[in-house]
Amino acid sequence: MIIVPIKENESIDKALKKFKKKFERTGVVRELRRRQAFEKPSIARRQEIIHARYLDQLKRENTL
């Protein structure tokens, strides 16, 4: 359960913004989207390798 402490005289909009930020950090929505479709382990591993190559390429471009 997410608990958002609200100060006295704090607007509902600010409290709602805090709640949304905390909820996003938990990663619930991201996990639900990931679980909607099954992904074979071999394909998941391939995507990890492609992403790692991409990040390595970005790091090399920044160091030059």
C-alpha atoms as a PDB file:
ATOM      1  CA  MET A   1       0.000   0.000   0.000  1.00  0.00           C
ATOM      2  CA  ILE A   2       1.295   3.440  -0.896  1.00  0.00           C
ATOM      3  CA  ILE A   3       1.035   6.039   1.835  1.00  0.00           C
ATOM      4  CA  VAL A   4       1.392   9.717   0.979  1.00  0.00           C
ATOM      5  CA  PRO A   5       1.762  12.035   3.948  1.00  0.00           C
ATOM      6  CA  ILE A   6      -0.150  15.264   3.406  1.00  0.00           C
ATOM      7  CA  LYS A   7       0.833  18.457   5.170  1.00  0.00           C
ATOM      8  CA  GLU A   8      -1.753  20.813   6.524  1.00  0.00           C
ATOM      9  CA  ASN A   9      -2.978  23.324   3.909  1.00  0.00           C
ATOM     10  CA  GLU A  10      -1.511  21.210   1.088  1.00  0.00           C
ATOM     11  CA  SER A  11      -3.630  21.034  -2.044  1.00  0.00           C
ATOM     12  CA  ILE A  12      -5.142  17.822  -3.336  1.00  0.00           C
ATOM     13  CA  ASP A  13      -3.353  18.323  -6.648  1.00  0.00           C
ATOM     14  CA  LYS A  14       0.041  18.257  -4.941  1.00  0.00           C
ATOM     15  CA  ALA A  15      -0.870  15.158  -2.963  1.00  0.00           C
ATOM     16  CA  LEU A  16      -2.101  13.430  -6.111  1.00  0.00           C
ATOM     17  CA  LYS A  17       1.142  14.319  -7.895  1.00  0.00           C
ATOM     18  CA  LYS A  18       3.147  12.780  -5.026  1.00  0.00           C
ATOM     19  CA  PHE A  19       0.999   9.639  -5.184  1.00  0.00           C
ATOM     20  CA  LYS A  20       1.459   9.273  -8.938  1.00  0.00           C
ATOM     21  CA  LYS A  21       5.220   9.658  -8.619  1.00  0.00           C
ATOM     22  CA  LYS A  22       5.426   7.015  -5.872  1.00  0.00           C
ATOM     23  CA  PHE A  23       3.186   4.662  -7.855  1.00  0.00           C
ATOM     24  CA  GLU A  24       5.337   5.052 -10.959  1.00  0.00           C
ATOM     25  CA  ARG A  25       8.483   4.237  -8.974  1.00  0.00           C
ATOM     26  CA  THR A  26       7.015   0.922  -7.838  1.00  0.00           C
ATOM     27  CA  GLY A  27       6.989  -0.285 -11.461  1.00  0.00           C
ATOM     28  CA  VAL A  28       3.576  -1.939 -11.260  1.00  0.00           C
ATOM     29  CA  VAL A  29       2.332  -0.665 -14.619  1.00  0.00           C
ATOM     30  CA  ARG A  30       5.599  -1.564 -16.352  1.00  0.00           C
ATOM     31  CA  GLU A  31       5.429  -5.083 -14.935  1.00  0.00           C
ATOM     32  CA  LEU A  32       1.800  -5.520 -16.037  1.00  0.00           C
ATOM     33  CA  ARG A  33       2.635  -4.475 -19.588  1.00  0.00           C
ATOM     34  CA  ARG A  34       5.594  -6.849 -19.648  1.00  0.00           C
ATOM     35  CA  ARG A  35       3.409  -9.760 -18.537  1.00  0.00           C
ATOM     36  CA  GLN A  36       0.685  -9.192 -21.124  1.00  0.00           C
ATOM     37  CA  ALA A  37       2.496 -11.236 -23.762  1.00  0.00           C
ATOM     38  CA  PHE A  38       4.846 -14.175 -23.285  1.00  0.00           C
ATOM     39  CA  GLU A  39       8.374 -13.656 -24.521  1.00  0.00           C
ATOM     40  CA  LYS A  40      10.644 -16.619 -25.109  1.00  0.00           C
ATOM     41  CA  PRO A  41      13.826 -16.551 -22.993  1.00  0.00           C
ATOM     42  CA  SER A  42      16.016 -16.679 -26.104  1.00  0.00           C
ATOM     43  CA  ILE A  43      14.328 -13.573 -27.519  1.00  0.00           C
ATOM     44  CA  ALA A  44      14.591 -11.761 -24.187  1.00  0.00           C
ATOM     45  CA  ARG A  45      18.307 -12.551 -24.031  1.00  0.00           C
ATOM     46  CA  ARG A  46      18.783 -11.352 -27.608  1.00  0.00           C
ATOM     47  CA  GLN A  47      17.104  -8.047 -26.739  1.00  0.00           C
ATOM     48  CA  GLU A  48      19.412  -7.660 -23.716  1.00  0.00           C
ATOM     49  CA  ILE A  49      22.475  -8.189 -25.925  1.00  0.00           C
ATOM     50  CA  ILE A  50      21.253  -5.664 -28.501  1.00  0.00           C
ATOM     51  CA  HIS A  51      20.576  -3.122 -25.742  1.00  0.00           C
ATOM     52  CA  ALA A  52      24.030  -3.704 -24.218  1.00  0.00           C
ATOM     53  CA  ARG A  53      25.675  -3.122 -27.604  1.00  0.00           C
ATOM     54  CA  TYR A  54      23.698   0.078 -28.026  1.00  0.00           C
ATOM     55  CA  LEU A  55      24.742   1.376 -24.602  1.00  0.00           C
ATOM     56  CA  ASP A  56      28.378   0.454 -25.288  1.00  0.00           C
ATOM     57  CA  GLN A  57      28.240   2.350 -28.573  1.00  0.00           C
ATOM     58  CA  LEU A  58      26.818   5.435 -26.823  1.00  0.00           C
ATOM     59  CA  LYS A  59      29.582   5.325 -24.208  1.00  0.00           C
ATOM     60  CA  ARG A  60      32.273   5.059 -26.895  1.00  0.00           C
ATOM     61  CA  GLU A  61      30.831   8.024 -28.814  1.00  0.00           C
ATOM     62  CA  ASN A  62      30.820  10.160 -25.669  1.00  0.00           C
ATOM     63  CA  THR A  63      34.433   9.372 -24.797  1.00  0.00           C
ATOM     64  CA  LEU A  64      35.782  10.342 -28.221  1.00  0.00           C
END
